[in-house]
């Protein structure tokens, strides 16, 4: 039986930075996010994810849990792109929790 997980929500094109790499937020949940970057990052690495929401940038501590090369057919571009799956660590609090809750909307507490 599959373990329940938080619902992933597709997001508008939110600019992000994972460690020093710029990217774009693809989807987000209460426990993690998927971003696209042009550089592969090391699985297991802990770093900061910076979300540029509203006028302020919000930083969240994350662990990289998966990196996958995306084919040009998938991304509709000739630029080498990687899907980077991130897990928020530790549990979200304060401004970080509010920013993620705002992006998730009512799905923030939903599980599938």
PDB file of N, CA and C in Angstrom:
ATOM      1  N   UNK A   1       0.838  -1.174   0.000  1.00  0.00           N
ATOM      2  CA  UNK A   1       0.000   0.000   0.000  1.00  0.00           C
ATOM      3  C   UNK A   1       0.891   1.249   0.000  1.00  0.00           C
ATOM      4  N   UNK A   2       0.512   2.215  -0.805  1.00  0.00           N
ATOM      5  CA  UNK A   2       1.287   3.440  -0.932  1.00  0.00           C
ATOM      6  C   UNK A   2       1.020   4.401   0.217  1.00  0.00           C
ATOM      7  N   UNK A   3       2.065   5.021   0.713  1.00  0.00           N
ATOM      8  CA  UNK A   3       1.950   5.989   1.794  1.00  0.00           C
ATOM      9  C   UNK A   3       1.327   7.288   1.264  1.00  0.00           C
ATOM     10  N   UNK A   4       0.428   7.883   2.024  1.00  0.00           N
ATOM     11  CA  UNK A   4      -0.186   9.151   1.624  1.00  0.00           C
ATOM     12  C   UNK A   4       0.876  10.240   1.574  1.00  0.00           C
ATOM     13  N   UNK A   5       0.736  11.134   0.604  1.00  0.00           N
ATOM     14  CA  UNK A   5       1.664  12.253   0.509  1.00  0.00           C
ATOM     15  C   UNK A   5       0.867  13.527   0.267  1.00  0.00           C
ATOM     16  N   UNK A   6       1.501  14.637   0.535  1.00  0.00           N
ATOM     17  CA  UNK A   6       0.839  15.919   0.338  1.00  0.00           C
ATOM     18  C   UNK A   6       0.640  16.189  -1.145  1.00  0.00           C
ATOM     19  N   UNK A   7      -0.480  16.802  -1.467  1.00  0.00           N
ATOM     20  CA  UNK A   7      -0.841  17.106  -2.847  1.00  0.00           C
ATOM     21  C   UNK A   7       0.145  18.106  -3.436  1.00  0.00           C
ATOM     22  N   UNK A   8       0.586  17.821  -4.655  1.00  0.00           N
ATOM     23  CA  UNK A   8       1.465  18.737  -5.380  1.00  0.00           C
ATOM     24  C   UNK A   8       0.606  19.715  -6.175  1.00  0.00           C
ATOM     25  N   UNK A   9       1.006  20.968  -6.150  1.00  0.00           N
ATOM     26  CA  UNK A   9       0.252  22.022  -6.828  1.00  0.00           C
ATOM     27  C   UNK A   9       1.135  22.644  -7.899  1.00  0.00           C
ATOM     28  N   UNK A  10       0.647  22.649  -9.155  1.00  0.00           N
ATOM     29  CA  UNK A  10       1.383  23.338 -10.218  1.00  0.00           C
ATOM     30  C   UNK A  10       1.398  24.817  -9.894  1.00  0.00           C
ATOM     31  N   UNK A  11       2.533  25.443 -10.186  1.00  0.00           N
ATOM     32  CA  UNK A  11       2.685  26.849  -9.825  1.00  0.00           C
ATOM     33  C   UNK A  11       2.899  27.704 -11.063  1.00  0.00           C
ATOM     34  N   UNK A  12       2.623  28.995 -10.932  1.00  0.00           N
ATOM     35  CA  UNK A  12       3.012  29.904 -12.011  1.00  0.00           C
ATOM     36  C   UNK A  12       4.539  29.939 -12.077  1.00  0.00           C
ATOM     37  N   UNK A  13       5.075  30.595 -13.052  1.00  0.00           N
ATOM     38  CA  UNK A  13       6.536  30.646 -13.240  1.00  0.00           C
ATOM     39  C   UNK A  13       7.186  31.486 -12.135  1.00  0.00           C
ATOM     40  N   UNK A  14       7.470  30.838 -11.011  1.00  0.00           N
ATOM     41  CA  UNK A  14       8.124  31.500  -9.881  1.00  0.00           C
ATOM     42  C   UNK A  14       9.628  31.286 -10.024  1.00  0.00           C
ATOM     43  N   UNK A  15      10.369  32.372  -9.977  1.00  0.00           N
ATOM     44  CA  UNK A  15      11.828  32.296 -10.065  1.00  0.00           C
ATOM     45  C   UNK A  15      12.379  31.771  -8.745  1.00  0.00           C
ATOM     46  N   UNK A  16      13.335  30.842  -8.830  1.00  0.00           N
ATOM     47  CA  UNK A  16      13.942  30.269  -7.625  1.00  0.00           C
ATOM     48  C   UNK A  16      15.455  30.206  -7.784  1.00  0.00           C
ATOM     49  N   UNK A  17      16.102  29.962  -6.663  1.00  0.00           N
ATOM     50  CA  UNK A  17      17.523  29.648  -6.674  1.00  0.00           C
ATOM     51  C   UNK A  17      17.717  28.485  -5.713  1.00  0.00           C
ATOM     52  N   UNK A  18      18.392  27.443  -6.196  1.00  0.00           N
ATOM     53  CA  UNK A  18      18.748  26.296  -5.365  1.00  0.00           C
ATOM     54  C   UNK A  18      20.255  26.373  -5.212  1.00  0.00           C
ATOM     55  N   UNK A  19      20.710  26.585  -3.973  1.00  0.00           N
ATOM     56  CA  UNK A  19      22.130  26.870  -3.737  1.00  0.00           C
ATOM     57  C   UNK A  19      22.463  28.072  -4.625  1.00  0.00           C
ATOM     58  N   UNK A  20      23.396  27.954  -5.558  1.00  0.00           N
ATOM     59  CA  UNK A  20      23.765  29.082  -6.419  1.00  0.00           C
ATOM     60  C   UNK A  20      23.124  29.003  -7.806  1.00  0.00           C
ATOM     61  N   UNK A  21      22.315  27.973  -8.057  1.00  0.00           N
ATOM     62  CA  UNK A  21      21.741  27.766  -9.388  1.00  0.00           C
ATOM     63  C   UNK A  21      20.350  28.384  -9.517  1.00  0.00           C
ATOM     64  N   UNK A  22      20.163  29.146 -10.579  1.00  0.00           N
ATOM     65  CA  UNK A  22      18.856  29.742 -10.842  1.00  0.00           C
ATOM     66  C   UNK A  22      17.964  28.718 -11.519  1.00  0.00           C
ATOM     67  N   UNK A  23      16.667  28.832 -11.266  1.00  0.00           N
ATOM     68  CA  UNK A  23      15.733  27.904 -11.862  1.00  0.00           C
ATOM     69  C   UNK A  23      14.312  28.421 -11.802  1.00  0.00           C
ATOM     70  N   UNK A  24      13.381  27.493 -12.054  1.00  0.00           N
ATOM     71  CA  UNK A  24      11.960  27.821 -12.073  1.00  0.00           C
ATOM     72  C   UNK A  24      11.193  26.769 -11.290  1.00  0.00           C
ATOM     73  N   UNK A  25      10.300  27.234 -10.446  1.00  0.00           N
ATOM     74  CA  UNK A  25       9.444  26.345  -9.667  1.00  0.00           C
ATOM     75  C   UNK A  25       8.403  25.719 -10.590  1.00  0.00           C
ATOM     76  N   UNK A  26       8.252  24.402 -10.518  1.00  0.00           N
ATOM     77  CA  UNK A  26       7.288  23.683 -11.350  1.00  0.00           C
ATOM     78  C   UNK A  26       6.053  23.327 -10.529  1.00  0.00           C
ATOM     79  N   UNK A  27       6.284  22.724  -9.347  1.00  0.00           N
ATOM     80  CA  UNK A  27       5.178  22.425  -8.445  1.00  0.00           C
ATOM     81  C   UNK A  27       5.691  22.429  -7.016  1.00  0.00           C
ATOM     82  N   UNK A  28       4.737  22.473  -6.086  1.00  0.00           N
ATOM     83  CA  UNK A  28       5.097  22.571  -4.678  1.00  0.00           C
ATOM     84  C   UNK A  28       4.037  21.862  -3.845  1.00  0.00           C
ATOM     85  N   UNK A  29       4.452  21.374  -2.681  1.00  0.00           N
ATOM     86  CA  UNK A  29       3.520  20.793  -1.713  1.00  0.00           C
ATOM     87  C   UNK A  29       3.958  21.277  -0.328  1.00  0.00           C
ATOM     88  N   UNK A  30       3.252  20.820   0.690  1.00  0.00           N
ATOM     89  CA  UNK A  30       3.600  21.213   2.052  1.00  0.00           C
ATOM     90  C   UNK A  30       4.947  20.655   2.495  1.00  0.00           C
ATOM     91  N   UNK A  31       5.462  19.644   1.779  1.00  0.00           N
ATOM     92  CA  UNK A  31       6.699  18.992   2.210  1.00  0.00           C
ATOM     93  C   UNK A  31       7.860  19.095   1.232  1.00  0.00           C
ATOM     94  N   UNK A  32       7.621  19.643   0.035  1.00  0.00           N
ATOM     95  CA  UNK A  32       8.716  19.714  -0.925  1.00  0.00           C
ATOM     96  C   UNK A  32       8.325  20.430  -2.202  1.00  0.00           C
ATOM     97  N   UNK A  33       9.247  20.412  -3.171  1.00  0.00           N
ATOM     98  CA  UNK A  33       9.027  21.127  -4.425  1.00  0.00           C
ATOM     99  C   UNK A  33       9.792  20.458  -5.554  1.00  0.00           C
ATOM    100  N   UNK A  34       9.356  20.749  -6.772  1.00  0.00           N
ATOM    101  CA  UNK A  34      10.058  20.349  -7.977  1.00  0.00           C
ATOM    102  C   UNK A  34      10.455  21.619  -8.710  1.00  0.00           C
ATOM    103  N   UNK A  35      11.743  21.717  -9.031  1.00  0.00           N
ATOM    104  CA  UNK A  35      12.237  22.874  -9.780  1.00  0.00           C
ATOM    105  C   UNK A  35      12.977  22.390 -11.016  1.00  0.00           C
ATOM    106  N   UNK A  36      13.059  23.256 -12.011  1.00  0.00           N
ATOM    107  CA  UNK A  36      13.870  22.986 -13.194  1.00  0.00           C
ATOM    108  C   UNK A  36      15.063  23.928 -13.168  1.00  0.00           C
ATOM    109  N   UNK A  37      16.258  23.372 -13.400  1.00  0.00           N
ATOM    110  CA  UNK A  37      17.488  24.154 -13.497  1.00  0.00           C
ATOM    111  C   UNK A  37      18.267  23.690 -14.717  1.00  0.00           C
ATOM    112  N   UNK A  38      19.308  24.426 -15.040  1.00  0.00           N
ATOM    113  CA  UNK A  38      20.158  24.025 -16.168  1.00  0.00           C
ATOM    114  C   UNK A  38      21.413  23.297 -15.708  1.00  0.00           C
ATOM    115  N   UNK A  39      21.538  23.064 -14.405  1.00  0.00           N
ATOM    116  CA  UNK A  39      22.679  22.323 -13.849  1.00  0.00           C
ATOM    117  C   UNK A  39      22.168  21.185 -12.980  1.00  0.00           C
ATOM    118  N   UNK A  40      22.839  20.045 -13.076  1.00  0.00           N
ATOM    119  CA  UNK A  40      22.527  18.921 -12.191  1.00  0.00           C
ATOM    120  C   UNK A  40      23.131  19.215 -10.823  1.00  0.00           C
ATOM    121  N   UNK A  41      22.422  18.861  -9.788  1.00  0.00           N
ATOM    122  CA  UNK A  41      22.911  19.048  -8.424  1.00  0.00           C
ATOM    123  C   UNK A  41      23.027  17.688  -7.755  1.00  0.00           C
ATOM    124  N   UNK A  42      23.821  17.608  -6.707  1.00  0.00           N
ATOM    125  CA  UNK A  42      24.130  16.353  -6.038  1.00  0.00           C
ATOM    126  C   UNK A  42      22.986  15.895  -5.126  1.00  0.00           C
ATOM    127  N   UNK A  43      22.483  14.691  -5.367  1.00  0.00           N
ATOM    128  CA  UNK A  43      21.447  14.108  -4.517  1.00  0.00           C
ATOM    129  C   UNK A  43      21.997  13.957  -3.101  1.00  0.00           C
ATOM    130  N   UNK A  44      21.187  14.312  -2.111  1.00  0.00           N
ATOM    131  CA  UNK A  44      21.587  14.240  -0.709  1.00  0.00           C
ATOM    132  C   UNK A  44      22.104  15.555  -0.166  1.00  0.00           C
ATOM    133  N   UNK A  45      22.454  16.473  -1.051  1.00  0.00           N
ATOM    134  CA  UNK A  45      22.985  17.767  -0.622  1.00  0.00           C
ATOM    135  C   UNK A  45      21.900  18.573   0.084  1.00  0.00           C
ATOM    136  N   UNK A  46      22.279  19.236   1.166  1.00  0.00           N
ATOM    137  CA  UNK A  46      21.387  20.158   1.854  1.00  0.00           C
ATOM    138  C   UNK A  46      21.819  21.568   1.506  1.00  0.00           C
ATOM    139  N   UNK A  47      20.849  22.401   1.148  1.00  0.00           N
ATOM    140  CA  UNK A  47      21.161  23.765   0.729  1.00  0.00           C
ATOM    141  C   UNK A  47      19.921  24.642   0.926  1.00  0.00           C
ATOM    142  N   UNK A  48      20.017  25.888   0.490  1.00  0.00           N
ATOM    143  CA  UNK A  48      18.889  26.798   0.588  1.00  0.00           C
ATOM    144  C   UNK A  48      18.158  26.883  -0.742  1.00  0.00           C
ATOM    145  N   UNK A  49      16.842  26.924  -0.658  1.00  0.00           N
ATOM    146  CA  UNK A  49      15.977  27.224  -1.788  1.00  0.00           C
ATOM    147  C   UNK A  49      15.452  28.632  -1.552  1.00  0.00           C
ATOM    148  N   UNK A  50      15.676  29.512  -2.505  1.00  0.00           N
ATOM    149  CA  UNK A  50      15.166  30.871  -2.404  1.00  0.00           C
ATOM    150  C   UNK A  50      14.016  31.022  -3.381  1.00  0.00           C
ATOM    151  N   UNK A  51      12.837  31.353  -2.846  1.00  0.00           N
ATOM    152  CA  UNK A  51      11.643  31.594  -3.655  1.00  0.00           C
ATOM    153  C   UNK A  51      11.452  33.095  -3.771  1.00  0.00           C
ATOM    154  N   UNK A  52      11.263  33.582  -4.978  1.00  0.00           N
ATOM    155  CA  UNK A  52      11.003  35.012  -5.165  1.00  0.00           C
ATOM    156  C   UNK A  52       9.496  35.194  -5.302  1.00  0.00           C
ATOM    157  N   UNK A  53       8.859  35.373  -4.155  1.00  0.00           N
ATOM    158  CA  UNK A  53       7.418  35.587  -4.112  1.00  0.00           C
ATOM    159  C   UNK A  53       7.137  37.008  -3.649  1.00  0.00           C
ATOM    160  N   UNK A  54       6.162  37.631  -4.242  1.00  0.00           N
ATOM    161  CA  UNK A  54       5.818  39.035  -3.987  1.00  0.00           C
ATOM    162  C   UNK A  54       7.078  39.892  -4.058  1.00  0.00           C
ATOM    163  N   UNK A  55       7.246  40.792  -3.121  1.00  0.00           N
ATOM    164  CA  UNK A  55       8.401  41.689  -3.143  1.00  0.00           C
ATOM    165  C   UNK A  55       9.595  41.127  -2.393  1.00  0.00           C
ATOM    166  N   UNK A  56       9.377  40.044  -1.668  1.00  0.00           N
ATOM    167  CA  UNK A  56      10.440  39.499  -0.835  1.00  0.00           C
ATOM    168  C   UNK A  56      10.875  38.114  -1.286  1.00  0.00           C
ATOM    169  N   UNK A  57      12.114  37.804  -1.026  1.00  0.00           N
ATOM    170  CA  UNK A  57      12.617  36.453  -1.264  1.00  0.00           C
ATOM    171  C   UNK A  57      12.524  35.680   0.053  1.00  0.00           C
ATOM    172  N   UNK A  58      12.050  34.451  -0.034  1.00  0.00           N
ATOM    173  CA  UNK A  58      11.916  33.599   1.143  1.00  0.00           C
ATOM    174  C   UNK A  58      12.887  32.440   0.982  1.00  0.00           C
ATOM    175  N   UNK A  59      13.630  32.138   2.038  1.00  0.00           N
ATOM    176  CA  UNK A  59      14.590  31.041   1.988  1.00  0.00           C
ATOM    177  C   UNK A  59      14.092  29.861   2.819  1.00  0.00           C
ATOM    178  N   UNK A  60      14.245  28.661   2.236  1.00  0.00           N
ATOM    179  CA  UNK A  60      13.854  27.428   2.909  1.00  0.00           C
ATOM    180  C   UNK A  60      15.029  26.469   2.837  1.00  0.00           C
ATOM    181  N   UNK A  61      15.279  25.758   3.906  1.00  0.00           N
ATOM    182  CA  UNK A  61      16.333  24.740   3.889  1.00  0.00           C
ATOM    183  C   UNK A  61      15.748  23.480   3.258  1.00  0.00           C
ATOM    184  N   UNK A  62      16.487  22.907   2.295  1.00  0.00           N
ATOM    185  CA  UNK A  62      16.004  21.736   1.561  1.00  0.00           C
ATOM    186  C   UNK A  62      17.087  20.677   1.439  1.00  0.00           C
ATOM    187  N   UNK A  63      16.641  19.463   1.130  1.00  0.00           N
ATOM    188  CA  UNK A  63      17.539  18.364   0.771  1.00  0.00           C
ATOM    189  C   UNK A  63      17.165  17.937  -0.643  1.00  0.00           C
ATOM    190  N   UNK A  64      18.158  17.777  -1.502  1.00  0.00           N
ATOM    191  CA  UNK A  64      17.921  17.323  -2.865  1.00  0.00           C
ATOM    192  C   UNK A  64      17.706  15.813  -2.812  1.00  0.00           C
ATOM    193  N   UNK A  65      16.535  15.355  -3.258  1.00  0.00           N
ATOM    194  CA  UNK A  65      16.213  13.933  -3.152  1.00  0.00           C
ATOM    195  C   UNK A  65      16.222  13.211  -4.497  1.00  0.00           C
ATOM    196  N   UNK A  66      16.145  13.958  -5.599  1.00  0.00           N
ATOM    197  CA  UNK A  66      16.210  13.323  -6.921  1.00  0.00           C
ATOM    198  C   UNK A  66      16.606  14.358  -7.960  1.00  0.00           C
ATOM    199  N   UNK A  67      17.400  13.925  -8.938  1.00  0.00           N
ATOM    200  CA  UNK A  67      17.795  14.768 -10.066  1.00  0.00           C
ATOM    201  C   UNK A  67      17.579  13.945 -11.328  1.00  0.00           C
ATOM    202  N   UNK A  68      16.872  14.522 -12.288  1.00  0.00           N
ATOM    203  CA  UNK A  68      16.553  13.795 -13.513  1.00  0.00           C
ATOM    204  C   UNK A  68      16.769  14.698 -14.728  1.00  0.00           C
ATOM    205  N   UNK A  69      17.545  14.207 -15.697  1.00  0.00           N
ATOM    206  CA  UNK A  69      17.717  14.940 -16.949  1.00  0.00           C
ATOM    207  C   UNK A  69      16.399  14.906 -17.708  1.00  0.00           C
ATOM    208  N   UNK A  70      15.982  16.051 -18.211  1.00  0.00           N
ATOM    209  CA  UNK A  70      14.736  16.150 -18.967  1.00  0.00           C
ATOM    210  C   UNK A  70      15.045  16.287 -20.446  1.00  0.00           C
ATOM    211  N   UNK A  71      14.446  15.453 -21.247  1.00  0.00           N
ATOM    212  CA  UNK A  71      14.712  15.487 -22.689  1.00  0.00           C
ATOM    213  C   UNK A  71      14.172  16.778 -23.294  1.00  0.00           C
ATOM    214  N   UNK A  72      14.782  17.237 -24.396  1.00  0.00           N
ATOM    215  CA  UNK A  72      14.280  18.428 -25.082  1.00  0.00           C
ATOM    216  C   UNK A  72      12.812  18.295 -25.485  1.00  0.00           C
ATOM    217  N   UNK A  73      12.359  17.086 -25.783  1.00  0.00           N
ATOM    218  CA  UNK A  73      10.952  16.887 -26.140  1.00  0.00           C
ATOM    219  C   UNK A  73      10.034  17.207 -24.955  1.00  0.00           C
ATOM    220  N   UNK A  74      10.497  16.934 -23.757  1.00  0.00           N
ATOM    221  CA  UNK A  74       9.718  17.202 -22.547  1.00  0.00           C
ATOM    222  C   UNK A  74       9.674  18.685 -22.232  1.00  0.00           C
ATOM    223  N   UNK A  75      10.804  19.361 -22.379  1.00  0.00           N
ATOM    224  CA  UNK A  75      10.897  20.764 -21.988  1.00  0.00           C
ATOM    225  C   UNK A  75      10.600  21.740 -23.123  1.00  0.00           C
ATOM    226  N   UNK A  76      10.505  21.232 -24.334  1.00  0.00           N
ATOM    227  CA  UNK A  76      10.237  22.069 -25.513  1.00  0.00           C
ATOM    228  C   UNK A  76      11.276  23.170 -25.689  1.00  0.00           C
ATOM    229  N   UNK A  77      12.523  22.839 -25.401  1.00  0.00           N
ATOM    230  CA  UNK A  77      13.629  23.783 -25.545  1.00  0.00           C
ATOM    231  C   UNK A  77      14.898  23.002 -25.856  1.00  0.00           C
ATOM    232  N   UNK A  78      15.867  23.659 -26.392  1.00  0.00           N
ATOM    233  CA  UNK A  78      17.155  23.014 -26.667  1.00  0.00           C
ATOM    234  C   UNK A  78      18.150  23.209 -25.527  1.00  0.00           C
ATOM    235  N   UNK A  79      17.713  23.831 -24.455  1.00  0.00           N
ATOM    236  CA  UNK A  79      18.574  24.064 -23.294  1.00  0.00           C
ATOM    237  C   UNK A  79      18.551  22.825 -22.411  1.00  0.00           C
ATOM    238  N   UNK A  80      19.731  22.345 -22.000  1.00  0.00           N
ATOM    239  CA  UNK A  80      19.822  21.185 -21.098  1.00  0.00           C
ATOM    240  C   UNK A  80      19.133  21.553 -19.782  1.00  0.00           C
ATOM    241  N   UNK A  81      18.148  20.746 -19.405  1.00  0.00           N
ATOM    242  CA  UNK A  81      17.336  21.048 -18.219  1.00  0.00           C
ATOM    243  C   UNK A  81      17.251  19.818 -17.325  1.00  0.00           C
ATOM    244  N   UNK A  82      17.259  20.057 -16.028  1.00  0.00           N
ATOM    245  CA  UNK A  82      17.162  18.994 -15.031  1.00  0.00           C
ATOM    246  C   UNK A  82      15.966  19.269 -14.121  1.00  0.00           C
ATOM    247  N   UNK A  83      15.246  18.203 -13.784  1.00  0.00           N
ATOM    248  CA  UNK A  83      14.216  18.276 -12.763  1.00  0.00           C
ATOM    249  C   UNK A  83      14.863  17.943 -11.432  1.00  0.00           C
ATOM    250  N   UNK A  84      14.738  18.839 -10.480  1.00  0.00           N
ATOM    251  CA  UNK A  84      15.345  18.674  -9.163  1.00  0.00           C
ATOM    252  C   UNK A  84      14.217  18.561  -8.132  1.00  0.00           C
ATOM    253  N   UNK A  85      14.105  17.403  -7.488  1.00  0.00           N
ATOM    254  CA  UNK A  85      13.100  17.205  -6.440  1.00  0.00           C
ATOM    255  C   UNK A  85      13.715  17.557  -5.097  1.00  0.00           C
ATOM    256  N   UNK A  86      12.997  18.369  -4.345  1.00  0.00           N
ATOM    257  CA  UNK A  86      13.499  18.884  -3.072  1.00  0.00           C
ATOM    258  C   UNK A  86      12.547  18.533  -1.939  1.00  0.00           C
ATOM    259  N   UNK A  87      13.103  18.258  -0.776  1.00  0.00           N
ATOM    260  CA  UNK A  87      12.321  18.030   0.431  1.00  0.00           C
ATOM    261  C   UNK A  87      12.667  19.133   1.423  1.00  0.00           C
ATOM    262  N   UNK A  88      11.644  19.761   2.001  1.00  0.00           N
ATOM    263  CA  UNK A  88      11.885  20.810   2.987  1.00  0.00           C
ATOM    264  C   UNK A  88      12.381  20.185   4.290  1.00  0.00           C
ATOM    265  N   UNK A  89      13.446  20.766   4.865  1.00  0.00           N
ATOM    266  CA  UNK A  89      13.957  20.322   6.168  1.00  0.00           C
ATOM    267  C   UNK A  89      14.298  21.553   7.000  1.00  0.00           C
ATOM    268  N   UNK A  90      14.097  21.623   8.237  1.00  0.00           N
ATOM    269  CA  UNK A  90      13.123  20.803   8.964  1.00  0.00           C
ATOM    270  C   UNK A  90      11.718  21.226   8.558  1.00  0.00           C
ATOM    271  N   UNK A  91      10.731  20.892   9.375  1.00  0.00           N
ATOM    272  CA  UNK A  91       9.354  21.283   9.093  1.00  0.00           C
ATOM    273  C   UNK A  91       9.277  22.806   8.936  1.00  0.00           C
ATOM    274  N   UNK A  92       8.427  23.259   8.031  1.00  0.00           N
ATOM    275  CA  UNK A  92       8.310  24.688   7.735  1.00  0.00           C
ATOM    276  C   UNK A  92       7.728  25.473   8.907  1.00  0.00           C
ATOM    277  N   UNK A  93       8.257  26.682   9.095  1.00  0.00           N
ATOM    278  CA  UNK A  93       7.731  27.589  10.117  1.00  0.00           C
ATOM    279  C   UNK A  93       7.781  29.014   9.581  1.00  0.00           C
ATOM    280  N   UNK A  94       7.096  29.922  10.244  1.00  0.00           N
ATOM    281  CA  UNK A  94       7.189  31.347   9.965  1.00  0.00           C
ATOM    282  C   UNK A  94       6.883  31.744   8.532  1.00  0.00           C
ATOM    283  N   UNK A  95       7.713  32.660   7.993  1.00  0.00           N
ATOM    284  CA  UNK A  95       7.518  33.206   6.647  1.00  0.00           C
ATOM    285  C   UNK A  95       7.626  32.127   5.578  1.00  0.00           C
ATOM    286  N   UNK A  96       8.494  31.138   5.794  1.00  0.00           N
ATOM    287  CA  UNK A  96       8.647  30.048   4.823  1.00  0.00           C
ATOM    288  C   UNK A  96       7.350  29.247   4.727  1.00  0.00           C
ATOM    289  N   UNK A  97       6.763  28.918   5.870  1.00  0.00           N
ATOM    290  CA  UNK A  97       5.504  28.163   5.872  1.00  0.00           C
ATOM    291  C   UNK A  97       4.406  28.964   5.202  1.00  0.00           C
ATOM    292  N   UNK A  98       4.340  30.253   5.488  1.00  0.00           N
ATOM    293  CA  UNK A  98       3.306  31.094   4.902  1.00  0.00           C
ATOM    294  C   UNK A  98       3.462  31.197   3.386  1.00  0.00           C
ATOM    295  N   UNK A  99       4.695  31.334   2.900  1.00  0.00           N
ATOM    296  CA  UNK A  99       4.941  31.429   1.457  1.00  0.00           C
ATOM    297  C   UNK A  99       4.507  30.142   0.753  1.00  0.00           C
ATOM    298  N   UNK A 100       4.835  28.988   1.327  1.00  0.00           N
ATOM    299  CA  UNK A 100       4.450  27.707   0.730  1.00  0.00           C
ATOM    300  C   UNK A 100       2.936  27.545   0.799  1.00  0.00           C
ATOM    301  N   UNK A 101       2.338  27.901   1.910  1.00  0.00           N
ATOM    302  CA  UNK A 101       0.879  27.809   2.047  1.00  0.00           C
ATOM    303  C   UNK A 101       0.187  28.700   1.014  1.00  0.00           C
ATOM    304  N   UNK A 102       0.716  29.877   0.780  1.00  0.00           N
ATOM    305  CA  UNK A 102       0.138  30.778  -0.221  1.00  0.00           C
ATOM    306  C   UNK A 102       0.225  30.178  -1.619  1.00  0.00           C
ATOM    307  N   UNK A 103       1.358  29.552  -1.950  1.00  0.00           N
ATOM    308  CA  UNK A 103       1.519  28.931  -3.264  1.00  0.00           C
ATOM    309  C   UNK A 103       0.630  27.702  -3.422  1.00  0.00           C
ATOM    310  N   UNK A 104       0.444  26.944  -2.343  1.00  0.00           N
ATOM    311  CA  UNK A 104      -0.374  25.723  -2.397  1.00  0.00           C
ATOM    312  C   UNK A 104      -1.865  26.020  -2.344  1.00  0.00           C
ATOM    313  N   UNK A 105      -2.243  27.134  -1.729  1.00  0.00           N
ATOM    314  CA  UNK A 105      -3.659  27.433  -1.551  1.00  0.00           C
ATOM    315  C   UNK A 105      -4.303  26.414  -0.634  1.00  0.00           C
ATOM    316  N   UNK A 106      -5.573  26.088  -0.882  1.00  0.00           N
ATOM    317  CA  UNK A 106      -6.276  25.159   0.000  1.00  0.00           C
ATOM    318  C   UNK A 106      -5.679  23.752   0.010  1.00  0.00           C
ATOM    319  N   UNK A 107      -4.880  23.408  -0.983  1.00  0.00           N
ATOM    320  CA  UNK A 107      -4.277  22.070  -1.050  1.00  0.00           C
ATOM    321  C   UNK A 107      -3.135  21.897  -0.059  1.00  0.00           C
ATOM    322  N   UNK A 108      -2.746  22.954   0.652  1.00  0.00           N
ATOM    323  CA  UNK A 108      -1.617  22.883   1.583  1.00  0.00           C
ATOM    324  C   UNK A 108      -1.769  21.752   2.591  1.00  0.00           C
ATOM    325  N   UNK A 109      -2.976  21.497   3.036  1.00  0.00           N
ATOM    326  CA  UNK A 109      -3.198  20.446   4.054  1.00  0.00           C
ATOM    327  C   UNK A 109      -3.729  19.151   3.464  1.00  0.00           C
ATOM    328  N   UNK A 110      -3.968  19.122   2.142  1.00  0.00           N
ATOM    329  CA  UNK A 110      -4.524  17.925   1.496  1.00  0.00           C
ATOM    330  C   UNK A 110      -3.465  16.853   1.273  1.00  0.00           C
ATOM    331  N   UNK A 111      -3.910  15.599   1.323  1.00  0.00           N
ATOM    332  CA  UNK A 111      -3.035  14.468   1.005  1.00  0.00           C
ATOM    333  C   UNK A 111      -3.706  13.602  -0.044  1.00  0.00           C
ATOM    334  N   UNK A 112      -2.876  12.861  -0.784  1.00  0.00           N
ATOM    335  CA  UNK A 112      -3.427  11.952  -1.797  1.00  0.00           C
ATOM    336  C   UNK A 112      -2.891  10.550  -1.581  1.00  0.00           C
TER     337      UNK A 112
END
